């Protein structure tokens, strides 16, 4: 598996985590919006930590679960408020990158490449 794909995914996750962190400080958020952004921030931080680990093979299921969870949060954020649409879009990009990386890891593990 290419280290560049891991780094690209990590970069996307970091951007999304920073966007979620900034958005959760916006004035006027409802408690539900605040909770969605806090959850996104925590999940992105956890995913960032996983991506920095040496053995990504062991983390495939967690990455796939995180992808679904982040995608669900993205849909909820998009419905919640238009001002958060940009943040939701960045988080969705991270979820897609994580899913793609997990797929590559899973395929590589099955072929015993990693």
N, C-alpha and C. Protein backbone atom coordinates (compact mmCIF):
# COMPACT_ATOMS: atom_id res chain seq x y z
N UNK A 1 0.85 -1.17 0.00
CA UNK A 1 0.00 0.00 0.00
C UNK A 1 0.89 1.22 0.00
N UNK A 2 0.50 2.22 -0.75
CA UNK A 2 1.30 3.42 -0.89
C UNK A 2 1.18 4.30 0.36
N UNK A 3 2.32 4.67 0.89
CA UNK A 3 2.32 5.59 2.03
C UNK A 3 1.71 6.92 1.67
N UNK A 4 1.79 7.28 0.38
CA UNK A 4 1.22 8.56 -0.04
C UNK A 4 -0.30 8.57 0.14
N UNK A 5 -0.96 7.43 -0.06
CA UNK A 5 -2.41 7.40 0.14
C UNK A 5 -2.75 7.55 1.61
N UNK A 6 -1.96 6.95 2.48
CA UNK A 6 -2.17 7.11 3.92
C UNK A 6 -1.97 8.58 4.28
N UNK A 7 -0.89 9.19 3.78
CA UNK A 7 -0.61 10.60 4.09
C UNK A 7 -1.71 11.51 3.54
N UNK A 8 -2.16 11.24 2.32
CA UNK A 8 -3.24 12.06 1.73
C UNK A 8 -4.51 11.96 2.57
N UNK A 9 -4.84 10.74 3.00
CA UNK A 9 -6.02 10.53 3.84
C UNK A 9 -5.84 11.25 5.17
N UNK A 10 -4.66 11.12 5.76
CA UNK A 10 -4.37 11.79 7.02
C UNK A 10 -4.51 13.30 6.87
N UNK A 11 -3.98 13.85 5.79
CA UNK A 11 -4.10 15.30 5.55
C UNK A 11 -5.56 15.72 5.46
N UNK A 12 -6.38 14.93 4.77
CA UNK A 12 -7.80 15.24 4.63
C UNK A 12 -8.50 15.18 5.98
N UNK A 13 -8.16 14.19 6.79
CA UNK A 13 -8.76 14.05 8.11
C UNK A 13 -8.37 15.22 9.00
N UNK A 14 -7.13 15.65 8.94
CA UNK A 14 -6.67 16.79 9.76
C UNK A 14 -7.43 18.06 9.36
N UNK A 15 -7.60 18.29 8.07
CA UNK A 15 -8.35 19.46 7.60
C UNK A 15 -9.79 19.41 8.12
N UNK A 16 -10.41 18.24 8.04
CA UNK A 16 -11.79 18.08 8.51
C UNK A 16 -11.88 18.28 10.02
N UNK A 17 -10.91 17.74 10.76
CA UNK A 17 -10.90 17.89 12.22
C UNK A 17 -10.79 19.37 12.60
N UNK A 18 -9.91 20.10 11.92
CA UNK A 18 -9.75 21.53 12.19
C UNK A 18 -11.01 22.30 11.84
N UNK A 19 -11.67 21.92 10.74
CA UNK A 19 -12.92 22.59 10.35
C UNK A 19 -14.01 22.34 11.38
N UNK A 20 -14.12 21.11 11.85
CA UNK A 20 -15.12 20.78 12.87
C UNK A 20 -14.82 21.53 14.16
N UNK A 21 -13.55 21.60 14.52
CA UNK A 21 -13.16 22.31 15.74
C UNK A 21 -13.52 23.78 15.65
N UNK A 22 -13.23 24.40 14.52
CA UNK A 22 -13.57 25.81 14.34
C UNK A 22 -15.07 26.05 14.34
N UNK A 23 -15.80 25.17 13.68
CA UNK A 23 -17.25 25.33 13.57
C UNK A 23 -17.94 25.15 14.91
N UNK A 24 -17.40 24.30 15.77
CA UNK A 24 -18.07 24.08 17.05
C UNK A 24 -17.94 25.27 17.98
N UNK A 25 -17.14 26.26 17.59
CA UNK A 25 -16.99 27.49 18.37
C UNK A 25 -17.86 28.63 17.83
N UNK A 26 -18.61 28.37 16.76
CA UNK A 26 -19.45 29.40 16.16
C UNK A 26 -20.57 29.80 17.12
N UNK A 27 -20.87 31.08 17.19
CA UNK A 27 -21.98 31.51 18.04
C UNK A 27 -23.32 31.12 17.42
N UNK A 28 -24.29 30.88 18.25
CA UNK A 28 -25.65 30.62 17.78
C UNK A 28 -25.95 29.18 17.44
N UNK A 29 -25.03 28.27 17.69
CA UNK A 29 -25.32 26.86 17.41
C UNK A 29 -26.34 26.34 18.41
N UNK A 30 -27.21 25.49 17.90
CA UNK A 30 -28.16 24.83 18.80
C UNK A 30 -27.40 23.73 19.56
N UNK A 31 -27.95 23.26 20.67
CA UNK A 31 -27.30 22.16 21.38
C UNK A 31 -27.09 20.93 20.48
N UNK A 32 -28.04 20.63 19.61
CA UNK A 32 -27.89 19.49 18.70
C UNK A 32 -26.73 19.70 17.73
N UNK A 33 -26.62 20.90 17.19
CA UNK A 33 -25.53 21.21 16.28
C UNK A 33 -24.19 21.12 17.00
N UNK A 34 -24.14 21.66 18.22
CA UNK A 34 -22.92 21.60 19.01
C UNK A 34 -22.51 20.14 19.25
N UNK A 35 -23.49 19.30 19.58
CA UNK A 35 -23.22 17.88 19.83
C UNK A 35 -22.73 17.18 18.57
N UNK A 36 -23.35 17.46 17.42
CA UNK A 36 -22.91 16.86 16.16
C UNK A 36 -21.46 17.23 15.85
N UNK A 37 -21.14 18.50 16.02
CA UNK A 37 -19.78 18.96 15.74
C UNK A 37 -18.77 18.39 16.74
N UNK A 38 -19.15 18.32 18.00
CA UNK A 38 -18.27 17.71 19.00
C UNK A 38 -18.00 16.24 18.67
N UNK A 39 -19.05 15.54 18.29
CA UNK A 39 -18.91 14.12 17.93
C UNK A 39 -18.02 13.97 16.71
N UNK A 40 -18.23 14.82 15.71
CA UNK A 40 -17.39 14.77 14.50
C UNK A 40 -15.93 15.03 14.86
N UNK A 41 -15.70 16.03 15.70
CA UNK A 41 -14.33 16.37 16.10
C UNK A 41 -13.65 15.19 16.80
N UNK A 42 -14.36 14.57 17.72
CA UNK A 42 -13.81 13.43 18.47
C UNK A 42 -13.52 12.26 17.53
N UNK A 43 -14.48 11.94 16.64
CA UNK A 43 -14.28 10.82 15.73
C UNK A 43 -13.13 11.08 14.76
N UNK A 44 -13.01 12.31 14.29
CA UNK A 44 -11.91 12.64 13.39
C UNK A 44 -10.57 12.58 14.13
N UNK A 45 -10.55 13.02 15.37
CA UNK A 45 -9.31 12.92 16.17
C UNK A 45 -8.92 11.47 16.39
N UNK A 46 -9.91 10.64 16.70
CA UNK A 46 -9.63 9.20 16.89
C UNK A 46 -9.12 8.57 15.60
N UNK A 47 -9.73 8.94 14.47
CA UNK A 47 -9.31 8.40 13.18
C UNK A 47 -7.89 8.87 12.84
N UNK A 48 -7.61 10.13 13.14
CA UNK A 48 -6.25 10.65 12.91
C UNK A 48 -5.24 9.82 13.70
N UNK A 49 -5.55 9.54 14.95
CA UNK A 49 -4.66 8.72 15.77
C UNK A 49 -4.46 7.34 15.15
N UNK A 50 -5.55 6.72 14.68
CA UNK A 50 -5.46 5.40 14.05
C UNK A 50 -4.57 5.43 12.82
N UNK A 51 -4.72 6.48 12.00
CA UNK A 51 -3.94 6.58 10.77
C UNK A 51 -2.45 6.77 11.06
N UNK A 52 -2.14 7.31 12.21
CA UNK A 52 -0.74 7.52 12.58
C UNK A 52 -0.11 6.25 13.15
N UNK A 53 -0.94 5.25 13.47
CA UNK A 53 -0.42 3.98 13.98
C UNK A 53 0.33 3.23 12.88
N UNK A 54 1.21 2.37 13.29
CA UNK A 54 2.00 1.58 12.34
C UNK A 54 1.16 0.52 11.63
N UNK A 55 0.33 -0.20 12.38
CA UNK A 55 -0.39 -1.36 11.83
C UNK A 55 -1.81 -0.98 11.45
N UNK A 56 -1.98 -0.44 10.26
CA UNK A 56 -3.31 -0.05 9.79
C UNK A 56 -4.18 -1.25 9.48
N UNK A 57 -3.55 -2.37 9.16
CA UNK A 57 -4.31 -3.58 8.85
C UNK A 57 -5.26 -3.93 9.98
N UNK A 58 -4.80 -3.80 11.21
CA UNK A 58 -5.62 -4.14 12.37
C UNK A 58 -6.75 -3.13 12.58
N UNK A 59 -6.67 -1.99 11.94
CA UNK A 59 -7.66 -0.93 12.15
C UNK A 59 -8.71 -0.84 11.05
N UNK A 60 -8.70 -1.75 10.09
CA UNK A 60 -9.61 -1.65 8.94
C UNK A 60 -11.06 -1.56 9.38
N UNK A 61 -11.51 -2.46 10.26
CA UNK A 61 -12.91 -2.44 10.67
C UNK A 61 -13.27 -1.14 11.38
N UNK A 62 -12.38 -0.66 12.22
CA UNK A 62 -12.62 0.61 12.90
C UNK A 62 -12.69 1.77 11.91
N UNK A 63 -11.83 1.73 10.89
CA UNK A 63 -11.87 2.77 9.86
C UNK A 63 -13.19 2.72 9.08
N UNK A 64 -13.63 1.52 8.75
CA UNK A 64 -14.90 1.39 8.02
C UNK A 64 -16.07 1.86 8.87
N UNK A 65 -16.07 1.51 10.15
CA UNK A 65 -17.13 1.97 11.05
C UNK A 65 -17.09 3.48 11.18
N UNK A 66 -15.89 4.03 11.30
CA UNK A 66 -15.74 5.49 11.39
C UNK A 66 -16.23 6.19 10.14
N UNK A 67 -16.00 5.58 9.00
CA UNK A 67 -16.47 6.16 7.74
C UNK A 67 -17.99 6.29 7.73
N UNK A 68 -18.68 5.23 8.12
CA UNK A 68 -20.14 5.26 8.15
C UNK A 68 -20.63 6.30 9.15
N UNK A 69 -20.02 6.32 10.31
CA UNK A 69 -20.42 7.25 11.35
C UNK A 69 -20.21 8.70 10.91
N UNK A 70 -19.06 8.99 10.30
CA UNK A 70 -18.80 10.35 9.82
C UNK A 70 -19.74 10.73 8.69
N UNK A 71 -20.06 9.80 7.82
CA UNK A 71 -21.01 10.08 6.74
C UNK A 71 -22.39 10.39 7.30
N UNK A 72 -22.80 9.63 8.34
CA UNK A 72 -24.09 9.90 8.99
C UNK A 72 -24.09 11.28 9.64
N UNK A 73 -22.99 11.62 10.31
CA UNK A 73 -22.88 12.96 10.92
C UNK A 73 -22.96 14.04 9.86
N UNK A 74 -22.32 13.80 8.73
CA UNK A 74 -22.34 14.76 7.64
C UNK A 74 -23.77 15.03 7.17
N UNK A 75 -24.54 13.97 6.99
CA UNK A 75 -25.94 14.13 6.57
C UNK A 75 -26.72 14.93 7.62
N UNK A 76 -26.49 14.65 8.88
CA UNK A 76 -27.19 15.37 9.95
C UNK A 76 -26.78 16.84 9.97
N UNK A 77 -25.48 17.11 9.77
CA UNK A 77 -25.03 18.50 9.73
C UNK A 77 -25.62 19.25 8.54
N UNK A 78 -25.68 18.59 7.40
CA UNK A 78 -26.26 19.23 6.22
C UNK A 78 -27.72 19.60 6.45
N UNK A 79 -28.44 18.76 7.15
CA UNK A 79 -29.84 19.06 7.44
C UNK A 79 -29.97 20.11 8.53
N UNK A 80 -28.99 20.22 9.38
CA UNK A 80 -29.07 21.06 10.56
C UNK A 80 -29.04 22.55 10.26
N UNK A 81 -28.07 22.99 9.49
CA UNK A 81 -27.94 24.42 9.22
C UNK A 81 -27.09 24.64 7.98
N UNK A 82 -27.50 25.55 7.14
CA UNK A 82 -26.78 25.82 5.90
C UNK A 82 -25.37 26.35 6.15
N UNK A 83 -25.17 27.09 7.23
CA UNK A 83 -23.85 27.66 7.53
C UNK A 83 -22.82 26.58 7.79
N UNK A 84 -23.27 25.40 8.17
CA UNK A 84 -22.34 24.30 8.45
C UNK A 84 -22.11 23.42 7.24
N UNK A 85 -22.70 23.76 6.12
CA UNK A 85 -22.58 22.92 4.92
C UNK A 85 -21.12 22.76 4.48
N UNK A 86 -20.33 23.84 4.59
CA UNK A 86 -18.93 23.74 4.18
C UNK A 86 -18.17 22.79 5.10
N UNK A 87 -18.43 22.89 6.40
CA UNK A 87 -17.79 21.98 7.36
C UNK A 87 -18.22 20.55 7.07
N UNK A 88 -19.50 20.36 6.82
CA UNK A 88 -20.01 19.02 6.53
C UNK A 88 -19.36 18.47 5.27
N UNK A 89 -19.14 19.32 4.28
CA UNK A 89 -18.51 18.88 3.03
C UNK A 89 -17.08 18.42 3.28
N UNK A 90 -16.34 19.16 4.10
CA UNK A 90 -14.96 18.79 4.40
C UNK A 90 -14.92 17.47 5.18
N UNK A 91 -15.85 17.31 6.12
CA UNK A 91 -15.93 16.07 6.90
C UNK A 91 -16.30 14.91 5.98
N UNK A 92 -17.19 15.15 5.04
CA UNK A 92 -17.58 14.10 4.09
C UNK A 92 -16.38 13.70 3.22
N UNK A 93 -15.57 14.68 2.81
CA UNK A 93 -14.35 14.36 2.05
C UNK A 93 -13.45 13.44 2.86
N UNK A 94 -13.32 13.72 4.16
CA UNK A 94 -12.49 12.88 5.03
C UNK A 94 -13.08 11.48 5.12
N UNK A 95 -14.39 11.38 5.27
CA UNK A 95 -15.04 10.07 5.36
C UNK A 95 -14.79 9.26 4.09
N UNK A 96 -14.87 9.90 2.94
CA UNK A 96 -14.63 9.21 1.67
C UNK A 96 -13.17 8.76 1.56
N UNK A 97 -12.25 9.62 1.97
CA UNK A 97 -10.83 9.27 1.91
C UNK A 97 -10.52 8.10 2.84
N UNK A 98 -11.13 8.12 4.03
CA UNK A 98 -10.93 7.03 4.99
C UNK A 98 -11.48 5.73 4.42
N UNK A 99 -12.66 5.79 3.83
CA UNK A 99 -13.27 4.60 3.22
C UNK A 99 -12.41 4.03 2.11
N UNK A 100 -11.86 4.90 1.28
CA UNK A 100 -11.01 4.46 0.18
C UNK A 100 -9.74 3.80 0.72
N UNK A 101 -9.15 4.41 1.75
CA UNK A 101 -7.95 3.84 2.35
C UNK A 101 -8.25 2.49 2.98
N UNK A 102 -9.36 2.38 3.69
CA UNK A 102 -9.73 1.11 4.32
C UNK A 102 -9.91 0.02 3.27
N UNK A 103 -10.49 0.39 2.13
CA UNK A 103 -10.69 -0.56 1.05
C UNK A 103 -9.35 -1.05 0.49
N UNK A 104 -8.42 -0.12 0.31
CA UNK A 104 -7.10 -0.48 -0.20
C UNK A 104 -6.39 -1.39 0.80
N UNK A 105 -6.48 -1.04 2.09
CA UNK A 105 -5.83 -1.86 3.12
C UNK A 105 -6.43 -3.26 3.14
N UNK A 106 -7.75 -3.31 3.06
CA UNK A 106 -8.44 -4.60 3.09
C UNK A 106 -8.03 -5.46 1.89
N UNK A 107 -7.99 -4.86 0.71
CA UNK A 107 -7.59 -5.56 -0.50
C UNK A 107 -6.14 -6.02 -0.41
N UNK A 108 -5.28 -5.13 0.07
CA UNK A 108 -3.86 -5.47 0.20
C UNK A 108 -3.66 -6.57 1.23
N UNK A 109 -4.42 -6.52 2.30
CA UNK A 109 -4.30 -7.56 3.33
C UNK A 109 -4.74 -8.90 2.77
N UNK A 110 -5.80 -8.90 1.98
CA UNK A 110 -6.29 -10.14 1.38
C UNK A 110 -5.28 -10.72 0.40
N UNK A 111 -4.55 -9.85 -0.26
CA UNK A 111 -3.53 -10.30 -1.21
C UNK A 111 -2.18 -10.48 -0.52
N UNK A 112 -2.18 -10.26 0.78
CA UNK A 112 -0.95 -10.40 1.60
C UNK A 112 0.17 -9.51 1.09
N UNK A 113 -0.23 -8.28 0.65
CA UNK A 113 0.76 -7.31 0.18
C UNK A 113 1.30 -6.51 1.37
N UNK A 114 0.46 -6.29 2.39
CA UNK A 114 0.91 -5.54 3.56
C UNK A 114 1.22 -6.44 4.71
